[in-house]
C-alpha cells in the first residue's frame, strides 16, 4: 500500500539557491516527505498559508524576506512550528534573533543532506 501524498509529512524548503533547493527537495522526497520549495520568505508565507507545512527548513539570507523574519512571522500564528535554520553566516545568530528553542535547530552550510534528514526525522516523529 502506498501513502497518499497528502498523508506524507509536509516540509517547506525555503532557499534562494535554486540548485541546492532542488537537490534537497529530491532527496527528502525520496525519503518519503512531501516537499514544497520557495525562493524567498514572501513566497514561503504564501505557500504556507495555502498549504501549511509540518516543518520549515529555511536559509537565513534571501532576497525580499530573510529566514529570521520568515520564522518570526510564521510563529506569530503557529508558535510550535518546527523549524530548521540553515546558515553559512555565523553573524546571523538565531539565538540573538530570538529564534532558538525546543522546536528550532540550526545547521550550518555546507549542508549535509543526511544530517538534515536526521534532524527532520527527529523533529517530525512518524
PDB file of N, CA and C in Angstrom:
ATOM      1  N   UNK A   1       0.843  -1.177   0.000  1.00  0.00           N
ATOM      2  CA  UNK A   1       0.000   0.000   0.000  1.00  0.00           C
ATOM      3  C   UNK A   1       0.887   1.239   0.000  1.00  0.00           C
ATOM      4  N   UNK A   2       0.607   2.172  -0.877  1.00  0.00           N
ATOM      5  CA  UNK A   2       1.393   3.400  -0.921  1.00  0.00           C
ATOM      6  C   UNK A   2       0.658   4.507  -0.188  1.00  0.00           C
ATOM      7  N   UNK A   3       1.444   5.410   0.367  1.00  0.00           N
ATOM      8  CA  UNK A   3       0.880   6.513   1.119  1.00  0.00           C
ATOM      9  C   UNK A   3       0.494   7.630   0.162  1.00  0.00           C
ATOM     10  N   UNK A   4      -0.723   8.135   0.300  1.00  0.00           N
ATOM     11  CA  UNK A   4      -1.168   9.292  -0.474  1.00  0.00           C
ATOM     12  C   UNK A   4      -0.259  10.465  -0.145  1.00  0.00           C
ATOM     13  N   UNK A   5       0.055  11.295  -1.153  1.00  0.00           N
ATOM     14  CA  UNK A   5       0.999  12.393  -0.920  1.00  0.00           C
ATOM     15  C   UNK A   5       0.501  13.367   0.136  1.00  0.00           C
ATOM     16  N   UNK A   6      -0.826  13.506   0.301  1.00  0.00           N
ATOM     17  CA  UNK A   6      -1.340  14.418   1.319  1.00  0.00           C
ATOM     18  C   UNK A   6      -1.126  13.868   2.724  1.00  0.00           C
ATOM     19  N   UNK A   7      -0.848  12.568   2.849  1.00  0.00           N
ATOM     20  CA  UNK A   7      -0.595  11.965   4.153  1.00  0.00           C
ATOM     21  C   UNK A   7       0.879  12.040   4.546  1.00  0.00           C
ATOM     22  N   UNK A   8       1.734  12.327   3.602  1.00  0.00           N
ATOM     23  CA  UNK A   8       3.163  12.427   3.897  1.00  0.00           C
ATOM     24  C   UNK A   8       3.431  13.708   4.670  1.00  0.00           C
ATOM     25  N   UNK A   9       4.400  13.687   5.582  1.00  0.00           N
ATOM     26  CA  UNK A   9       4.760  14.928   6.274  1.00  0.00           C
ATOM     27  C   UNK A   9       5.201  15.984   5.263  1.00  0.00           C
ATOM     28  N   UNK A  10       4.699  17.206   5.450  1.00  0.00           N
ATOM     29  CA  UNK A  10       4.945  18.295   4.503  1.00  0.00           C
ATOM     30  C   UNK A  10       6.072  19.187   4.998  1.00  0.00           C
ATOM     31  N   UNK A  11       7.137  19.263   4.208  1.00  0.00           N
ATOM     32  CA  UNK A  11       8.287  20.109   4.513  1.00  0.00           C
ATOM     33  C   UNK A  11       8.288  21.278   3.537  1.00  0.00           C
ATOM     34  N   UNK A  12       8.354  22.484   4.081  1.00  0.00           N
ATOM     35  CA  UNK A  12       8.506  23.685   3.258  1.00  0.00           C
ATOM     36  C   UNK A  12       9.976  24.059   3.280  1.00  0.00           C
ATOM     37  N   UNK A  13      10.616  24.015   2.123  1.00  0.00           N
ATOM     38  CA  UNK A  13      12.042  24.285   1.973  1.00  0.00           C
ATOM     39  C   UNK A  13      12.213  25.656   1.331  1.00  0.00           C
ATOM     40  N   UNK A  14      12.873  26.572   2.046  1.00  0.00           N
ATOM     41  CA  UNK A  14      12.990  27.953   1.583  1.00  0.00           C
ATOM     42  C   UNK A  14      14.463  28.289   1.378  1.00  0.00           C
ATOM     43  N   UNK A  15      14.845  28.509   0.122  1.00  0.00           N
ATOM     44  CA  UNK A  15      16.239  28.798  -0.211  1.00  0.00           C
ATOM     45  C   UNK A  15      16.273  29.505  -1.556  1.00  0.00           C
ATOM     46  N   UNK A  16      17.039  30.581  -1.637  1.00  0.00           N
ATOM     47  CA  UNK A  16      17.146  31.314  -2.899  1.00  0.00           C
ATOM     48  C   UNK A  16      18.142  30.681  -3.861  1.00  0.00           C
ATOM     49  N   UNK A  17      18.861  29.669  -3.418  1.00  0.00           N
ATOM     50  CA  UNK A  17      19.787  28.946  -4.295  1.00  0.00           C
ATOM     51  C   UNK A  17      19.032  27.766  -4.899  1.00  0.00           C
ATOM     52  N   UNK A  18      18.529  27.963  -6.117  1.00  0.00           N
ATOM     53  CA  UNK A  18      17.619  27.007  -6.743  1.00  0.00           C
ATOM     54  C   UNK A  18      18.205  25.606  -6.886  1.00  0.00           C
ATOM     55  N   UNK A  19      19.472  25.504  -7.231  1.00  0.00           N
ATOM     56  CA  UNK A  19      20.083  24.183  -7.430  1.00  0.00           C
ATOM     57  C   UNK A  19      20.140  23.421  -6.111  1.00  0.00           C
ATOM     58  N   UNK A  20      20.535  24.095  -5.047  1.00  0.00           N
ATOM     59  CA  UNK A  20      20.577  23.462  -3.724  1.00  0.00           C
ATOM     60  C   UNK A  20      19.182  23.040  -3.288  1.00  0.00           C
ATOM     61  N   UNK A  21      18.216  23.925  -3.495  1.00  0.00           N
ATOM     62  CA  UNK A  21      16.842  23.627  -3.096  1.00  0.00           C
ATOM     63  C   UNK A  21      16.302  22.415  -3.850  1.00  0.00           C
ATOM     64  N   UNK A  22      16.567  22.351  -5.144  1.00  0.00           N
ATOM     65  CA  UNK A  22      16.091  21.227  -5.950  1.00  0.00           C
ATOM     66  C   UNK A  22      16.720  19.917  -5.488  1.00  0.00           C
ATOM     67  N   UNK A  23      18.012  19.941  -5.213  1.00  0.00           N
ATOM     68  CA  UNK A  23      18.696  18.728  -4.749  1.00  0.00           C
ATOM     69  C   UNK A  23      18.116  18.252  -3.417  1.00  0.00           C
ATOM     70  N   UNK A  24      17.898  19.179  -2.484  1.00  0.00           N
ATOM     71  CA  UNK A  24      17.335  18.803  -1.183  1.00  0.00           C
ATOM     72  C   UNK A  24      15.885  18.356  -1.320  1.00  0.00           C
ATOM     73  N   UNK A  25      15.136  19.007  -2.205  1.00  0.00           N
ATOM     74  CA  UNK A  25      13.747  18.609  -2.432  1.00  0.00           C
ATOM     75  C   UNK A  25      13.686  17.159  -2.914  1.00  0.00           C
ATOM     76  N   UNK A  26      14.500  16.834  -3.891  1.00  0.00           N
ATOM     77  CA  UNK A  26      14.515  15.462  -4.426  1.00  0.00           C
ATOM     78  C   UNK A  26      14.956  14.459  -3.368  1.00  0.00           C
ATOM     79  N   UNK A  27      15.969  14.826  -2.599  1.00  0.00           N
ATOM     80  CA  UNK A  27      16.479  13.940  -1.554  1.00  0.00           C
ATOM     81  C   UNK A  27      15.393  13.642  -0.520  1.00  0.00           C
ATOM     82  N   UNK A  28      14.746  14.683  -0.007  1.00  0.00           N
ATOM     83  CA  UNK A  28      13.715  14.486   1.018  1.00  0.00           C
ATOM     84  C   UNK A  28      12.488  13.770   0.453  1.00  0.00           C
ATOM     85  N   UNK A  29      12.155  14.037  -0.799  1.00  0.00           N
ATOM     86  CA  UNK A  29      11.019  13.354  -1.427  1.00  0.00           C
ATOM     87  C   UNK A  29      11.285  11.853  -1.532  1.00  0.00           C
ATOM     88  N   UNK A  30      12.518  11.488  -1.877  1.00  0.00           N
ATOM     89  CA  UNK A  30      12.879  10.060  -1.949  1.00  0.00           C
ATOM     90  C   UNK A  30      12.798   9.399  -0.581  1.00  0.00           C
ATOM     91  N   UNK A  31      12.917  10.184   0.479  1.00  0.00           N
ATOM     92  CA  UNK A  31      12.865   9.651   1.841  1.00  0.00           C
ATOM     93  C   UNK A  31      11.448   9.658   2.412  1.00  0.00           C
ATOM     94  N   UNK A  32      10.468  10.030   1.578  1.00  0.00           N
ATOM     95  CA  UNK A  32       9.076   9.916   1.999  1.00  0.00           C
ATOM     96  C   UNK A  32       8.397  11.191   2.447  1.00  0.00           C
ATOM     97  N   UNK A  33       8.994  12.331   2.169  1.00  0.00           N
ATOM     98  CA  UNK A  33       8.388  13.610   2.553  1.00  0.00           C
ATOM     99  C   UNK A  33       7.789  14.293   1.335  1.00  0.00           C
ATOM    100  N   UNK A  34       6.738  15.048   1.585  1.00  0.00           N
ATOM    101  CA  UNK A  34       6.171  15.918   0.553  1.00  0.00           C
ATOM    102  C   UNK A  34       6.856  17.261   0.737  1.00  0.00           C
ATOM    103  N   UNK A  35       7.538  17.735  -0.286  1.00  0.00           N
ATOM    104  CA  UNK A  35       8.365  18.935  -0.164  1.00  0.00           C
ATOM    105  C   UNK A  35       7.876  20.012  -1.125  1.00  0.00           C
ATOM    106  N   UNK A  36       7.660  21.194  -0.564  1.00  0.00           N
ATOM    107  CA  UNK A  36       7.324  22.378  -1.343  1.00  0.00           C
ATOM    108  C   UNK A  36       8.500  23.328  -1.218  1.00  0.00           C
ATOM    109  N   UNK A  37       8.875  24.005  -2.309  1.00  0.00           N
ATOM    110  CA  UNK A  37      10.004  24.930  -2.240  1.00  0.00           C
ATOM    111  C   UNK A  37       9.565  26.359  -2.538  1.00  0.00           C
ATOM    112  N   UNK A  38      10.288  27.283  -1.913  1.00  0.00           N
ATOM    113  CA  UNK A  38      10.095  28.714  -2.152  1.00  0.00           C
ATOM    114  C   UNK A  38      11.465  29.356  -2.246  1.00  0.00           C
ATOM    115  N   UNK A  39      11.585  30.380  -3.087  1.00  0.00           N
ATOM    116  CA  UNK A  39      12.865  31.046  -3.293  1.00  0.00           C
ATOM    117  C   UNK A  39      13.115  32.224  -2.374  1.00  0.00           C
ATOM    118  N   UNK A  40      12.108  32.594  -1.582  1.00  0.00           N
ATOM    119  CA  UNK A  40      12.279  33.689  -0.625  1.00  0.00           C
ATOM    120  C   UNK A  40      11.182  33.591   0.432  1.00  0.00           C
ATOM    121  N   UNK A  41      11.326  34.387   1.474  1.00  0.00           N
ATOM    122  CA  UNK A  41      10.393  34.321   2.587  1.00  0.00           C
ATOM    123  C   UNK A  41       8.974  34.732   2.247  1.00  0.00           C
ATOM    124  N   UNK A  42       8.804  35.713   1.362  1.00  0.00           N
ATOM    125  CA  UNK A  42       7.449  36.139   0.988  1.00  0.00           C
ATOM    126  C   UNK A  42       6.703  35.025   0.261  1.00  0.00           C
ATOM    127  N   UNK A  43       7.379  34.375  -0.668  1.00  0.00           N
ATOM    128  CA  UNK A  43       6.762  33.247  -1.374  1.00  0.00           C
ATOM    129  C   UNK A  43       6.439  32.123  -0.393  1.00  0.00           C
ATOM    130  N   UNK A  44       7.320  31.908   0.575  1.00  0.00           N
ATOM    131  CA  UNK A  44       7.098  30.863   1.575  1.00  0.00           C
ATOM    132  C   UNK A  44       5.851  31.148   2.407  1.00  0.00           C
ATOM    133  N   UNK A  45       5.651  32.400   2.790  1.00  0.00           N
ATOM    134  CA  UNK A  45       4.451  32.759   3.556  1.00  0.00           C
ATOM    135  C   UNK A  45       3.185  32.450   2.757  1.00  0.00           C
ATOM    136  N   UNK A  46       3.196  32.780   1.476  1.00  0.00           N
ATOM    137  CA  UNK A  46       2.037  32.499   0.623  1.00  0.00           C
ATOM    138  C   UNK A  46       1.790  30.997   0.503  1.00  0.00           C
ATOM    139  N   UNK A  47       2.849  30.237   0.264  1.00  0.00           N
ATOM    140  CA  UNK A  47       2.707  28.787   0.132  1.00  0.00           C
ATOM    141  C   UNK A  47       2.210  28.162   1.425  1.00  0.00           C
ATOM    142  N   UNK A  48       2.746  28.627   2.548  1.00  0.00           N
ATOM    143  CA  UNK A  48       2.349  28.062   3.837  1.00  0.00           C
ATOM    144  C   UNK A  48       0.898  28.413   4.168  1.00  0.00           C
ATOM    145  N   UNK A  49       0.453  29.595   3.775  1.00  0.00           N
ATOM    146  CA  UNK A  49      -0.938  29.979   4.021  1.00  0.00           C
ATOM    147  C   UNK A  49      -1.899  29.077   3.237  1.00  0.00           C
ATOM    148  N   UNK A  50      -1.502  28.712   2.019  1.00  0.00           N
ATOM    149  CA  UNK A  50      -2.344  27.873   1.167  1.00  0.00           C
ATOM    150  C   UNK A  50      -2.275  26.398   1.552  1.00  0.00           C
ATOM    151  N   UNK A  51      -1.131  25.966   2.060  1.00  0.00           N
ATOM    152  CA  UNK A  51      -0.897  24.550   2.370  1.00  0.00           C
ATOM    153  C   UNK A  51       0.106  24.484   3.520  1.00  0.00           C
ATOM    154  N   UNK A  52      -0.368  24.582   4.765  1.00  0.00           N
ATOM    155  CA  UNK A  52       0.539  24.672   5.911  1.00  0.00           C
ATOM    156  C   UNK A  52       1.522  23.497   5.999  1.00  0.00           C
ATOM    157  N   UNK A  53       2.763  23.850   6.258  1.00  0.00           N
ATOM    158  CA  UNK A  53       3.827  22.853   6.380  1.00  0.00           C
ATOM    159  C   UNK A  53       3.846  22.260   7.782  1.00  0.00           C
ATOM    160  N   UNK A  54       4.344  21.034   7.867  1.00  0.00           N
ATOM    161  CA  UNK A  54       4.570  20.401   9.166  1.00  0.00           C
ATOM    162  C   UNK A  54       5.911  20.825   9.741  1.00  0.00           C
ATOM    163  N   UNK A  55       6.822  21.244   8.859  1.00  0.00           N
ATOM    164  CA  UNK A  55       8.164  21.664   9.252  1.00  0.00           C
ATOM    165  C   UNK A  55       8.697  22.596   8.175  1.00  0.00           C
ATOM    166  N   UNK A  56       9.463  23.611   8.597  1.00  0.00           N
ATOM    167  CA  UNK A  56      10.069  24.553   7.655  1.00  0.00           C
ATOM    168  C   UNK A  56      11.585  24.450   7.752  1.00  0.00           C
ATOM    169  N   UNK A  57      12.232  24.347   6.601  1.00  0.00           N
ATOM    170  CA  UNK A  57      13.687  24.418   6.503  1.00  0.00           C
ATOM    171  C   UNK A  57      13.979  25.702   5.747  1.00  0.00           C
ATOM    172  N   UNK A  58      14.703  26.634   6.374  1.00  0.00           N
ATOM    173  CA  UNK A  58      14.936  27.914   5.715  1.00  0.00           C
ATOM    174  C   UNK A  58      16.376  28.378   5.808  1.00  0.00           C
ATOM    175  N   UNK A  59      16.823  28.960   4.712  1.00  0.00           N
ATOM    176  CA  UNK A  59      18.088  29.668   4.685  1.00  0.00           C
ATOM    177  C   UNK A  59      17.875  30.973   5.446  1.00  0.00           C
ATOM    178  N   UNK A  60      18.948  31.611   5.865  1.00  0.00           N
ATOM    179  CA  UNK A  60      18.833  32.869   6.595  1.00  0.00           C
ATOM    180  C   UNK A  60      18.814  34.047   5.636  1.00  0.00           C
ATOM    181  N   UNK A  61      19.796  34.122   4.760  1.00  0.00           N
ATOM    182  CA  UNK A  61      19.928  35.280   3.871  1.00  0.00           C
ATOM    183  C   UNK A  61      19.293  34.999   2.526  1.00  0.00           C
ATOM    184  N   UNK A  62      18.215  35.753   2.256  1.00  0.00           N
ATOM    185  CA  UNK A  62      17.494  35.618   0.994  1.00  0.00           C
ATOM    186  C   UNK A  62      16.939  36.983   0.604  1.00  0.00           C
ATOM    187  N   UNK A  63      16.639  37.163  -0.691  1.00  0.00           N
ATOM    188  CA  UNK A  63      16.027  38.431  -1.107  1.00  0.00           C
ATOM    189  C   UNK A  63      14.585  38.533  -0.603  1.00  0.00           C
ATOM    190  N   UNK A  64      14.069  39.730  -0.620  1.00  0.00           N
ATOM    191  CA  UNK A  64      12.683  40.058  -0.263  1.00  0.00           C
ATOM    192  C   UNK A  64      12.384  39.879   1.215  1.00  0.00           C
ATOM    193  N   UNK A  65      12.556  38.673   1.754  1.00  0.00           N
ATOM    194  CA  UNK A  65      12.298  38.422   3.173  1.00  0.00           C
ATOM    195  C   UNK A  65      13.206  37.289   3.615  1.00  0.00           C
ATOM    196  N   UNK A  66      14.084  37.575   4.555  1.00  0.00           N
ATOM    197  CA  UNK A  66      15.043  36.583   5.023  1.00  0.00           C
ATOM    198  C   UNK A  66      14.421  35.552   5.953  1.00  0.00           C
ATOM    199  N   UNK A  67      15.218  34.552   6.268  1.00  0.00           N
ATOM    200  CA  UNK A  67      14.750  33.440   7.077  1.00  0.00           C
ATOM    201  C   UNK A  67      14.355  33.797   8.495  1.00  0.00           C
ATOM    202  N   UNK A  68      15.099  34.695   9.140  1.00  0.00           N
ATOM    203  CA  UNK A  68      14.756  35.023  10.528  1.00  0.00           C
ATOM    204  C   UNK A  68      13.401  35.726  10.606  1.00  0.00           C
ATOM    205  N   UNK A  69      13.140  36.649   9.690  1.00  0.00           N
ATOM    206  CA  UNK A  69      11.833  37.326   9.688  1.00  0.00           C
ATOM    207  C   UNK A  69      10.728  36.361   9.276  1.00  0.00           C
ATOM    208  N   UNK A  70      11.015  35.461   8.357  1.00  0.00           N
ATOM    209  CA  UNK A  70      10.045  34.440   7.967  1.00  0.00           C
ATOM    210  C   UNK A  70       9.622  33.626   9.183  1.00  0.00           C
ATOM    211  N   UNK A  71      10.595  33.160   9.952  1.00  0.00           N
ATOM    212  CA  UNK A  71      10.286  32.347  11.129  1.00  0.00           C
ATOM    213  C   UNK A  71       9.460  33.152  12.130  1.00  0.00           C
ATOM    214  N   UNK A  72       9.831  34.390  12.362  1.00  0.00           N
ATOM    215  CA  UNK A  72       9.057  35.239  13.283  1.00  0.00           C
ATOM    216  C   UNK A  72       7.589  35.330  12.845  1.00  0.00           C
ATOM    217  N   UNK A  73       7.380  35.559  11.562  1.00  0.00           N
ATOM    218  CA  UNK A  73       6.005  35.713  11.060  1.00  0.00           C
ATOM    219  C   UNK A  73       5.222  34.406  11.141  1.00  0.00           C
ATOM    220  N   UNK A  74       5.850  33.306  10.776  1.00  0.00           N
ATOM    221  CA  UNK A  74       5.166  32.013  10.857  1.00  0.00           C
ATOM    222  C   UNK A  74       4.796  31.676  12.294  1.00  0.00           C
ATOM    223  N   UNK A  75       5.673  31.996  13.208  1.00  0.00           N
ATOM    224  CA  UNK A  75       5.435  31.642  14.610  1.00  0.00           C
ATOM    225  C   UNK A  75       4.448  32.579  15.309  1.00  0.00           C
ATOM    226  N   UNK A  76       4.068  33.664  14.668  1.00  0.00           N
ATOM    227  CA  UNK A  76       3.019  34.510  15.247  1.00  0.00           C
ATOM    228  C   UNK A  76       1.706  33.746  15.333  1.00  0.00           C
ATOM    229  N   UNK A  77       1.463  32.892  14.358  1.00  0.00           N
ATOM    230  CA  UNK A  77       0.219  32.120  14.357  1.00  0.00           C
ATOM    231  C   UNK A  77       0.434  30.653  14.711  1.00  0.00           C
ATOM    232  N   UNK A  78       1.668  30.173  14.566  1.00  0.00           N
ATOM    233  CA  UNK A  78       1.970  28.765  14.868  1.00  0.00           C
ATOM    234  C   UNK A  78       3.260  28.690  15.676  1.00  0.00           C
ATOM    235  N   UNK A  79       3.182  29.010  16.964  1.00  0.00           N
ATOM    236  CA  UNK A  79       4.396  29.095  17.785  1.00  0.00           C
ATOM    237  C   UNK A  79       5.157  27.779  17.939  1.00  0.00           C
ATOM    238  N   UNK A  80       4.491  26.651  17.740  1.00  0.00           N
ATOM    239  CA  UNK A  80       5.151  25.354  17.905  1.00  0.00           C
ATOM    240  C   UNK A  80       5.647  24.753  16.595  1.00  0.00           C
ATOM    241  N   UNK A  81       5.613  25.525  15.521  1.00  0.00           N
ATOM    242  CA  UNK A  81       6.057  25.028  14.221  1.00  0.00           C
ATOM    243  C   UNK A  81       7.534  24.646  14.273  1.00  0.00           C
ATOM    244  N   UNK A  82       7.876  23.401  13.926  1.00  0.00           N
ATOM    245  CA  UNK A  82       9.288  23.010  13.891  1.00  0.00           C
ATOM    246  C   UNK A  82      10.015  23.714  12.743  1.00  0.00           C
ATOM    247  N   UNK A  83      11.205  24.222  13.046  1.00  0.00           N
ATOM    248  CA  UNK A  83      11.977  24.980  12.064  1.00  0.00           C
ATOM    249  C   UNK A  83      13.434  24.535  12.090  1.00  0.00           C
ATOM    250  N   UNK A  84      13.996  24.351  10.905  1.00  0.00           N
ATOM    251  CA  UNK A  84      15.427  24.119  10.749  1.00  0.00           C
ATOM    252  C   UNK A  84      15.975  25.348  10.033  1.00  0.00           C
ATOM    253  N   UNK A  85      16.887  26.047  10.697  1.00  0.00           N
ATOM    254  CA  UNK A  85      17.517  27.231  10.124  1.00  0.00           C
ATOM    255  C   UNK A  85      18.878  26.821   9.588  1.00  0.00           C
ATOM    256  N   UNK A  86      19.109  27.120   8.318  1.00  0.00           N
ATOM    257  CA  UNK A  86      20.373  26.774   7.674  1.00  0.00           C
ATOM    258  C   UNK A  86      21.128  28.067   7.394  1.00  0.00           C
ATOM    259  N   UNK A  87      22.361  28.139   7.881  1.00  0.00           N
ATOM    260  CA  UNK A  87      23.119  29.368   7.685  1.00  0.00           C
ATOM    261  C   UNK A  87      24.578  29.086   7.370  1.00  0.00           C
ATOM    262  N   UNK A  88      25.114  29.919   6.533  1.00  0.00           N
ATOM    263  CA  UNK A  88      26.541  29.892   6.249  1.00  0.00           C
ATOM    264  C   UNK A  88      27.229  31.069   6.902  1.00  0.00           C
ATOM    265  N   UNK A  89      26.448  31.845   7.635  1.00  0.00           N
ATOM    266  CA  UNK A  89      26.951  33.073   8.238  1.00  0.00           C
ATOM    267  C   UNK A  89      26.812  32.994   9.748  1.00  0.00           C
ATOM    268  N   UNK A  90      27.909  32.899  10.432  1.00  0.00           N
ATOM    269  CA  UNK A  90      27.846  32.829  11.887  1.00  0.00           C
ATOM    270  C   UNK A  90      27.341  34.142  12.479  1.00  0.00           C
ATOM    271  N   UNK A  91      27.474  35.251  11.729  1.00  0.00           N
ATOM    272  CA  UNK A  91      26.991  36.537  12.224  1.00  0.00           C
ATOM    273  C   UNK A  91      25.463  36.558  12.290  1.00  0.00           C
ATOM    274  N   UNK A  92      24.827  35.735  11.483  1.00  0.00           N
ATOM    275  CA  UNK A  92      23.367  35.648  11.510  1.00  0.00           C
ATOM    276  C   UNK A  92      22.982  34.674  12.619  1.00  0.00           C
ATOM    277  N   UNK A  93      23.124  35.112  13.843  1.00  0.00           N
ATOM    278  CA  UNK A  93      22.967  34.260  15.018  1.00  0.00           C
ATOM    279  C   UNK A  93      21.493  34.117  15.396  1.00  0.00           C
ATOM    280  N   UNK A  94      20.906  32.928  15.210  1.00  0.00           N
ATOM    281  CA  UNK A  94      19.497  32.737  15.546  1.00  0.00           C
ATOM    282  C   UNK A  94      19.187  33.006  17.018  1.00  0.00           C
ATOM    283  N   UNK A  95      20.124  32.716  17.908  1.00  0.00           N
ATOM    284  CA  UNK A  95      19.876  32.965  19.332  1.00  0.00           C
ATOM    285  C   UNK A  95      19.699  34.455  19.577  1.00  0.00           C
ATOM    286  N   UNK A  96      20.563  35.255  18.972  1.00  0.00           N
ATOM    287  CA  UNK A  96      20.460  36.704  19.124  1.00  0.00           C
ATOM    288  C   UNK A  96      19.163  37.219  18.511  1.00  0.00           C
ATOM    289  N   UNK A  97      18.684  36.548  17.490  1.00  0.00           N
ATOM    290  CA  UNK A  97      17.437  36.955  16.847  1.00  0.00           C
ATOM    291  C   UNK A  97      16.215  36.424  17.596  1.00  0.00           C
ATOM    292  N   UNK A  98      16.442  35.679  18.677  1.00  0.00           N
ATOM    293  CA  UNK A  98      15.341  35.148  19.470  1.00  0.00           C
ATOM    294  C   UNK A  98      14.629  33.978  18.828  1.00  0.00           C
ATOM    295  N   UNK A  99      15.326  33.212  18.005  1.00  0.00           N
ATOM    296  CA  UNK A  99      14.683  32.125  17.274  1.00  0.00           C
ATOM    297  C   UNK A  99      15.035  30.739  17.785  1.00  0.00           C
ATOM    298  N   UNK A 100      15.819  30.644  18.824  1.00  0.00           N
ATOM    299  CA  UNK A 100      16.162  29.319  19.312  1.00  0.00           C
ATOM    300  C   UNK A 100      15.066  28.814  20.236  1.00  0.00           C
ATOM    301  N   UNK A 101      15.065  27.542  20.474  1.00  0.00           N
ATOM    302  CA  UNK A 101      14.073  26.941  21.345  1.00  0.00           C
ATOM    303  C   UNK A 101      13.966  25.467  21.039  1.00  0.00           C
ATOM    304  N   UNK A 102      13.054  24.792  21.727  1.00  0.00           N
ATOM    305  CA  UNK A 102      12.946  23.339  21.559  1.00  0.00           C
ATOM    306  C   UNK A 102      12.475  22.917  20.171  1.00  0.00           C
ATOM    307  N   UNK A 103      11.840  23.797  19.426  1.00  0.00           N
ATOM    308  CA  UNK A 103      11.341  23.457  18.094  1.00  0.00           C
ATOM    309  C   UNK A 103      12.181  24.091  16.992  1.00  0.00           C
ATOM    310  N   UNK A 104      13.429  24.468  17.326  1.00  0.00           N
ATOM    311  CA  UNK A 104      14.320  25.104  16.354  1.00  0.00           C
ATOM    312  C   UNK A 104      15.680  24.427  16.385  1.00  0.00           C
ATOM    313  N   UNK A 105      16.172  24.084  15.211  1.00  0.00           N
ATOM    314  CA  UNK A 105      17.513  23.515  15.080  1.00  0.00           C
ATOM    315  C   UNK A 105      18.261  24.362  14.061  1.00  0.00           C
ATOM    316  N   UNK A 106      19.531  24.627  14.346  1.00  0.00           N
ATOM    317  CA  UNK A 106      20.370  25.396  13.429  1.00  0.00           C
ATOM    318  C   UNK A 106      21.417  24.460  12.831  1.00  0.00           C
ATOM    319  N   UNK A 107      21.484  24.426  11.508  1.00  0.00           N
ATOM    320  CA  UNK A 107      22.504  23.660  10.792  1.00  0.00           C
ATOM    321  C   UNK A 107      23.326  24.639   9.968  1.00  0.00           C
ATOM    322  N   UNK A 108      24.602  24.328   9.796  1.00  0.00           N
ATOM    323  CA  UNK A 108      25.473  25.231   9.049  1.00  0.00           C
ATOM    324  C   UNK A 108      25.785  24.671   7.665  1.00  0.00           C
ATOM    325  N   UNK A 109      26.042  25.587   6.755  1.00  0.00           N
ATOM    326  CA  UNK A 109      26.461  25.233   5.397  1.00  0.00           C
ATOM    327  C   UNK A 109      27.954  24.983   5.394  1.00  0.00           C
ATOM    328  N   UNK A 110      28.439  24.127   4.521  1.00  0.00           N
ATOM    329  CA  UNK A 110      27.675  23.348   3.558  1.00  0.00           C
ATOM    330  C   UNK A 110      26.818  22.303   4.275  1.00  0.00           C
ATOM    331  N   UNK A 111      25.599  22.168   3.827  1.00  0.00           N
ATOM    332  CA  UNK A 111      24.621  21.307   4.474  1.00  0.00           C
ATOM    333  C   UNK A 111      24.793  19.860   4.039  1.00  0.00           C
ATOM    334  N   UNK A 112      24.910  18.984   5.017  1.00  0.00           N
ATOM    335  CA  UNK A 112      24.983  17.547   4.770  1.00  0.00           C
ATOM    336  C   UNK A 112      23.544  17.023   4.693  1.00  0.00           C
ATOM    337  N   UNK A 113      23.117  16.501   3.547  1.00  0.00           N
ATOM    338  CA  UNK A 113      21.735  16.026   3.425  1.00  0.00           C
ATOM    339  C   UNK A 113      21.355  14.980   4.477  1.00  0.00           C
ATOM    340  N   UNK A 114      22.280  14.106   4.836  1.00  0.00           N
ATOM    341  CA  UNK A 114      21.979  13.090   5.852  1.00  0.00           C
ATOM    342  C   UNK A 114      21.753  13.725   7.222  1.00  0.00           C
ATOM    343  N   UNK A 115      22.508  14.776   7.536  1.00  0.00           N
ATOM    344  CA  UNK A 115      22.301  15.488   8.803  1.00  0.00           C
ATOM    345  C   UNK A 115      20.941  16.173   8.797  1.00  0.00           C
ATOM    346  N   UNK A 116      20.566  16.744   7.660  1.00  0.00           N
ATOM    347  CA  UNK A 116      19.245  17.356   7.552  1.00  0.00           C
ATOM    348  C   UNK A 116      18.163  16.300   7.727  1.00  0.00           C
ATOM    349  N   UNK A 117      18.312  15.166   7.069  1.00  0.00           N
ATOM    350  CA  UNK A 117      17.326  14.092   7.181  1.00  0.00           C
ATOM    351  C   UNK A 117      17.179  13.636   8.627  1.00  0.00           C
ATOM    352  N   UNK A 118      18.286  13.444   9.320  1.00  0.00           N
ATOM    353  CA  UNK A 118      18.228  13.027  10.726  1.00  0.00           C
ATOM    354  C   UNK A 118      17.488  14.061  11.568  1.00  0.00           C
ATOM    355  N   UNK A 119      17.734  15.330  11.295  1.00  0.00           N
ATOM    356  CA  UNK A 119      17.068  16.407  12.033  1.00  0.00           C
ATOM    357  C   UNK A 119      15.576  16.421  11.734  1.00  0.00           C
ATOM    358  N   UNK A 120      15.214  16.301  10.470  1.00  0.00           N
ATOM    359  CA  UNK A 120      13.801  16.284  10.090  1.00  0.00           C
ATOM    360  C   UNK A 120      13.098  15.103  10.749  1.00  0.00           C
ATOM    361  N   UNK A 121      13.711  13.940  10.725  1.00  0.00           N
ATOM    362  CA  UNK A 121      13.103  12.752  11.352  1.00  0.00           C
ATOM    363  C   UNK A 121      12.929  12.937  12.853  1.00  0.00           C
ATOM    364  N   UNK A 122      13.881  13.588  13.484  1.00  0.00           N
ATOM    365  CA  UNK A 122      13.792  13.835  14.922  1.00  0.00           C
ATOM    366  C   UNK A 122      12.668  14.826  15.241  1.00  0.00           C
ATOM    367  N   UNK A 123      12.511  15.830  14.394  1.00  0.00           N
ATOM    368  CA  UNK A 123      11.512  16.870  14.651  1.00  0.00           C
ATOM    369  C   UNK A 123      10.103  16.477  14.207  1.00  0.00           C
ATOM    370  N   UNK A 124      10.006  15.525  13.285  1.00  0.00           N
ATOM    371  CA  UNK A 124       8.712  15.043  12.797  1.00  0.00           C
ATOM    372  C   UNK A 124       8.603  13.544  13.028  1.00  0.00           C
ATOM    373  N   UNK A 125       8.364  13.136  14.258  1.00  0.00           N
ATOM    374  CA  UNK A 125       8.273  11.699  14.513  1.00  0.00           C
ATOM    375  C   UNK A 125       7.122  11.072  13.727  1.00  0.00           C
ATOM    376  N   UNK A 126       7.362   9.866  13.285  1.00  0.00           N
ATOM    377  CA  UNK A 126       6.347   9.163  12.478  1.00  0.00           C
ATOM    378  C   UNK A 126       5.146   8.776  13.314  1.00  0.00           C
TER     379      UNK A 126
END
